[in-house]
Amino acid sequence: MPEFRVEKTSLRGSPEKPCDEVVLKETQEMTGEGSGKLREVWVINMDSLDELITFRDKYGELILDHDPSFPQIPDSIEIYDDWRETKREPTGP
């Protein structure tokens, strides 16, 4: 059963639950030095593409990603409900 870490753009960095379907789970996050630390993350199980599409229909645009620094749960879903990219101010005359 594929497991995904789940974040919501508008809640990035917050411990708040990003959606109803997730549960809190402790997992290993590897650091740049090769050591790891335990971290609590929100997770969801998705057994089929149909489940993912139903989730997308409920929450809107999703970003799927893979992060090897979480070796136990490398795949993630971000509920993209807010702008997260940095806006650059024009420079020059």
C-alpha atoms as a PDB file:
ATOM      1  CA  MET A   1       0.000   0.000   0.000  1.00  0.00           C
ATOM      2  CA  PRO A   2       1.764   3.199  -1.161  1.00  0.00           C
ATOM      3  CA  GLU A   3       2.181   5.763   1.588  1.00  0.00           C
ATOM      4  CA  PHE A   4       2.652   9.498   0.991  1.00  0.00           C
ATOM      5  CA  ARG A   5       3.687  12.362   3.242  1.00  0.00           C
ATOM      6  CA  VAL A   6       1.088  15.144   2.952  1.00  0.00           C
ATOM      7  CA  GLU A   7       1.499  18.905   3.259  1.00  0.00           C
ATOM      8  CA  LYS A   8      -0.766  21.836   2.466  1.00  0.00           C
ATOM      9  CA  THR A   9       0.905  24.885   0.954  1.00  0.00           C
ATOM     10  CA  SER A  10      -0.970  27.356   3.162  1.00  0.00           C
ATOM     11  CA  LEU A  11       0.131  25.409   6.277  1.00  0.00           C
ATOM     12  CA  ARG A  12       3.806  24.796   5.413  1.00  0.00           C
ATOM     13  CA  GLY A  13       5.851  24.581   8.582  1.00  0.00           C
ATOM     14  CA  SER A  14       2.723  24.292  10.736  1.00  0.00           C
ATOM     15  CA  PRO A  15       1.867  21.196  12.785  1.00  0.00           C
ATOM     16  CA  GLU A  16      -1.815  21.651  11.795  1.00  0.00           C
ATOM     17  CA  LYS A  17      -3.483  18.707  10.030  1.00  0.00           C
ATOM     18  CA  PRO A  18      -3.532  19.410   6.260  1.00  0.00           C
ATOM     19  CA  CYS A  19      -6.696  17.363   5.497  1.00  0.00           C
ATOM     20  CA  ASP A  20      -9.154  14.942   7.091  1.00  0.00           C
ATOM     21  CA  GLU A  21      -7.711  11.735   5.624  1.00  0.00           C
ATOM     22  CA  VAL A  22      -4.179  11.909   7.057  1.00  0.00           C
ATOM     23  CA  VAL A  23      -2.705  10.398  10.214  1.00  0.00           C
ATOM     24  CA  LEU A  24       0.395  11.437  12.129  1.00  0.00           C
ATOM     25  CA  LYS A  25       3.359   9.079  11.816  1.00  0.00           C
ATOM     26  CA  GLU A  26       6.936   9.162  13.087  1.00  0.00           C
ATOM     27  CA  THR A  27       9.562   8.592  10.388  1.00  0.00           C
ATOM     28  CA  GLN A  28      13.279   9.015   9.814  1.00  0.00           C
ATOM     29  CA  GLU A  29      14.588  12.157   8.075  1.00  0.00           C
ATOM     30  CA  MET A  30      18.202  11.955   6.921  1.00  0.00           C
ATOM     31  CA  THR A  31      20.418  14.998   7.316  1.00  0.00           C
ATOM     32  CA  GLY A  32      23.235  16.136   5.052  1.00  0.00           C
ATOM     33  CA  GLU A  33      25.809  14.543   7.370  1.00  0.00           C
ATOM     34  CA  GLY A  34      24.355  11.068   6.768  1.00  0.00           C
ATOM     35  CA  SER A  35      22.737  10.826  10.187  1.00  0.00           C
ATOM     36  CA  GLY A  36      19.014  10.819  10.773  1.00  0.00           C
ATOM     37  CA  LYS A  37      16.462  12.221  13.162  1.00  0.00           C
ATOM     38  CA  LEU A  38      12.923  11.156  13.949  1.00  0.00           C
ATOM     39  CA  ARG A  39      10.236  13.481  12.685  1.00  0.00           C
ATOM     40  CA  GLU A  40       6.440  13.423  12.820  1.00  0.00           C
ATOM     41  CA  VAL A  41       4.755  13.815   9.430  1.00  0.00           C
ATOM     42  CA  TRP A  42       1.193  13.574   8.146  1.00  0.00           C
ATOM     43  CA  VAL A  43       0.675  10.523   5.921  1.00  0.00           C
ATOM     44  CA  ILE A  44      -2.003   8.986   3.729  1.00  0.00           C
ATOM     45  CA  ASN A  45      -2.249   5.621   1.976  1.00  0.00           C
ATOM     46  CA  MET A  46      -3.299   5.608  -1.674  1.00  0.00           C
ATOM     47  CA  ASP A  47      -4.043   2.204  -3.181  1.00  0.00           C
ATOM     48  CA  SER A  48      -4.961   3.317  -6.697  1.00  0.00           C
ATOM     49  CA  LEU A  49      -4.893   6.110  -9.208  1.00  0.00           C
ATOM     50  CA  ASP A  50      -8.655   6.416  -8.709  1.00  0.00           C
ATOM     51  CA  GLU A  51      -8.073   7.230  -5.021  1.00  0.00           C
ATOM     52  CA  LEU A  52      -5.530   9.891  -5.982  1.00  0.00           C
ATOM     53  CA  ILE A  53      -7.964  11.425  -8.481  1.00  0.00           C
ATOM     54  CA  THR A  54     -10.760  11.452  -5.879  1.00  0.00           C
ATOM     55  CA  PHE A  55      -8.365  13.172  -3.445  1.00  0.00           C
ATOM     56  CA  ARG A  56      -7.466  15.730  -6.138  1.00  0.00           C
ATOM     57  CA  ASP A  57     -11.139  16.355  -6.923  1.00  0.00           C
ATOM     58  CA  LYS A  58     -11.756  17.078  -3.226  1.00  0.00           C
ATOM     59  CA  TYR A  59      -8.706  19.295  -2.518  1.00  0.00           C
ATOM     60  CA  GLY A  60      -7.772  20.784  -5.885  1.00  0.00           C
ATOM     61  CA  GLU A  61      -4.339  21.065  -7.441  1.00  0.00           C
ATOM     62  CA  LEU A  62      -1.708  18.667  -6.110  1.00  0.00           C
ATOM     63  CA  ILE A  63       2.072  18.523  -6.374  1.00  0.00           C
ATOM     64  CA  LEU A  64       3.619  15.036  -6.269  1.00  0.00           C
ATOM     65  CA  ASP A  65       7.261  14.793  -5.237  1.00  0.00           C
ATOM     66  CA  HIS A  66       9.952  12.348  -4.152  1.00  0.00           C
ATOM     67  CA  ASP A  67      12.467  13.210  -1.421  1.00  0.00           C
ATOM     68  CA  PRO A  68      15.153  10.596  -0.633  1.00  0.00           C
ATOM     69  CA  SER A  69      15.935  12.325   2.673  1.00  0.00           C
ATOM     70  CA  PHE A  70      12.824  10.474   3.932  1.00  0.00           C
ATOM     71  CA  PRO A  71      13.887   6.902   3.080  1.00  0.00           C
ATOM     72  CA  GLN A  72      10.874   5.239   4.740  1.00  0.00           C
ATOM     73  CA  ILE A  73       8.284   7.520   3.066  1.00  0.00           C
ATOM     74  CA  PRO A  74      10.044   9.284   0.161  1.00  0.00           C
ATOM     75  CA  ASP A  75       6.907  10.197  -1.817  1.00  0.00           C
ATOM     76  CA  SER A  76       4.810  13.227  -0.942  1.00  0.00           C
ATOM     77  CA  ILE A  77       1.651  15.054  -1.933  1.00  0.00           C
ATOM     78  CA  GLU A  78       1.323  18.793  -1.476  1.00  0.00           C
ATOM     79  CA  ILE A  79      -2.162  20.285  -1.548  1.00  0.00           C
ATOM     80  CA  TYR A  80      -1.353  23.405  -3.544  1.00  0.00           C
ATOM     81  CA  ASP A  81      -3.889  25.859  -2.136  1.00  0.00           C
ATOM     82  CA  ASP A  82      -1.719  28.973  -1.940  1.00  0.00           C
ATOM     83  CA  TRP A  83       1.157  30.685  -3.722  1.00  0.00           C
ATOM     84  CA  ARG A  84       4.528  29.473  -2.365  1.00  0.00           C
ATOM     85  CA  GLU A  85       6.990  30.699  -4.957  1.00  0.00           C
ATOM     86  CA  THR A  86       8.932  33.810  -4.084  1.00  0.00           C
ATOM     87  CA  LYS A  87       7.942  36.850  -6.086  1.00  0.00           C
ATOM     88  CA  ARG A  88      10.937  38.796  -7.324  1.00  0.00           C
ATOM     89  CA  GLU A  89      10.732  42.541  -7.427  1.00  0.00           C
ATOM     90  CA  PRO A  90      11.827  44.146 -10.690  1.00  0.00           C
ATOM     91  CA  THR A  91      15.307  45.628 -10.586  1.00  0.00           C
ATOM     92  CA  GLY A  92      16.850  48.390 -12.567  1.00  0.00           C
ATOM     93  CA  PRO A  93      15.342  51.501 -14.123  1.00  0.00           C
END
